[in-house]
């Protein structure tokens, strides 16, 4: 294997994203405190780190807002705005 092949292989392994089923996500995140959830959200969702795009954040919000109370919707909007700037 030459260096280019090694670099390409390494890039591909880093690009793979692990997705959870809803049940797996509930299992993982339901045990976290609000502070832990916020840390995880900013670790994974910060646009500057290339984790997600602003459009993906908007799609996420659109997909969950019907499950949130008005207060939670407002808080999530604020978080997404912060993530877009981070």
Protein backbone atom coordinates (compact mmCIF):
# COMPACT_ATOMS: atom_id res chain seq x y z
CA UNK A 1 0.00 0.00 0.00
CA UNK A 2 1.41 3.38 -0.93
CA UNK A 3 1.00 6.57 1.12
CA UNK A 4 -1.88 7.88 -1.02
CA UNK A 5 -3.85 4.67 -0.48
CA UNK A 6 -3.17 4.87 3.25
CA UNK A 7 -4.37 8.49 3.43
CA UNK A 8 -7.48 7.72 1.38
CA UNK A 9 -8.30 4.74 3.59
CA UNK A 10 -7.82 6.86 6.72
CA UNK A 11 -10.08 9.62 5.36
CA UNK A 12 -12.83 7.15 4.52
CA UNK A 13 -12.72 5.64 8.00
CA UNK A 14 -13.02 9.11 9.55
CA UNK A 15 -15.92 10.05 7.28
CA UNK A 16 -18.08 7.16 8.41
CA UNK A 17 -20.78 8.40 10.75
CA UNK A 18 -22.46 6.24 13.32
CA UNK A 19 -26.21 6.60 13.30
CA UNK A 20 -28.43 5.39 16.09
CA UNK A 21 -31.89 3.97 15.88
CA UNK A 22 -34.39 6.00 17.93
CA UNK A 23 -34.29 3.33 20.65
CA UNK A 24 -30.49 3.37 20.76
CA UNK A 25 -30.47 7.16 20.94
CA UNK A 26 -32.99 7.12 23.79
CA UNK A 27 -30.89 4.56 25.63
CA UNK A 28 -27.72 6.60 25.21
CA UNK A 29 -29.04 10.09 25.85
CA UNK A 30 -31.79 9.51 28.40
CA UNK A 31 -29.23 8.88 31.12
CA UNK A 32 -27.37 12.15 30.53
CA UNK A 33 -27.88 15.30 32.54
CA UNK A 34 -28.83 18.48 30.71
CA UNK A 35 -25.22 19.67 30.97
CA UNK A 36 -23.91 16.41 29.48
CA UNK A 37 -26.46 16.64 26.68
CA UNK A 38 -25.38 20.19 25.89
CA UNK A 39 -21.72 19.17 25.78
CA UNK A 40 -22.53 16.28 23.45
CA UNK A 41 -24.67 18.50 21.26
CA UNK A 42 -21.90 21.07 20.83
CA UNK A 43 -19.27 18.37 20.34
CA UNK A 44 -21.22 16.69 17.56
CA UNK A 45 -23.23 19.54 16.11
CA UNK A 46 -20.79 22.43 15.81
CA UNK A 47 -20.82 23.55 12.18
CA UNK A 48 -17.23 24.80 12.34
CA UNK A 49 -16.03 21.27 13.08
CA UNK A 50 -17.73 19.94 9.99
CA UNK A 51 -20.04 17.73 11.99
CA UNK A 52 -23.21 19.03 10.41
CA UNK A 53 -24.28 21.76 8.05
CA UNK A 54 -26.68 24.57 8.93
CA UNK A 55 -29.20 22.95 6.60
CA UNK A 56 -28.95 19.65 8.47
CA UNK A 57 -29.60 21.48 11.74
CA UNK A 58 -32.70 23.08 10.23
CA UNK A 59 -33.91 19.69 8.97
CA UNK A 60 -33.33 18.21 12.41
CA UNK A 61 -35.36 20.97 14.05
CA UNK A 62 -38.18 20.60 11.53
CA UNK A 63 -38.26 16.87 12.24
CA UNK A 64 -38.55 17.17 16.02
CA UNK A 65 -40.41 20.41 16.67
CA UNK A 66 -43.81 18.70 16.70
CA UNK A 67 -42.61 16.60 19.65
CA UNK A 68 -41.52 19.64 21.68
CA UNK A 69 -43.45 22.00 23.88
CA UNK A 70 -43.42 25.69 22.87
CA UNK A 71 -40.78 26.32 25.55
CA UNK A 72 -38.62 23.46 24.26
CA UNK A 73 -39.05 24.67 20.68
CA UNK A 74 -37.74 28.11 21.63
CA UNK A 75 -34.80 26.62 23.52
CA UNK A 76 -33.95 24.34 20.58
CA UNK A 77 -34.09 27.28 18.15
CA UNK A 78 -31.61 29.15 20.36
CA UNK A 79 -29.31 26.12 20.55
CA UNK A 80 -29.36 25.65 16.80
CA UNK A 81 -28.52 29.31 16.30
CA UNK A 82 -25.53 28.87 18.63
CA UNK A 83 -24.45 25.71 16.82
CA UNK A 84 -24.57 27.48 13.48
CA UNK A 85 -22.21 30.15 14.85
CA UNK A 86 -19.87 27.68 16.53
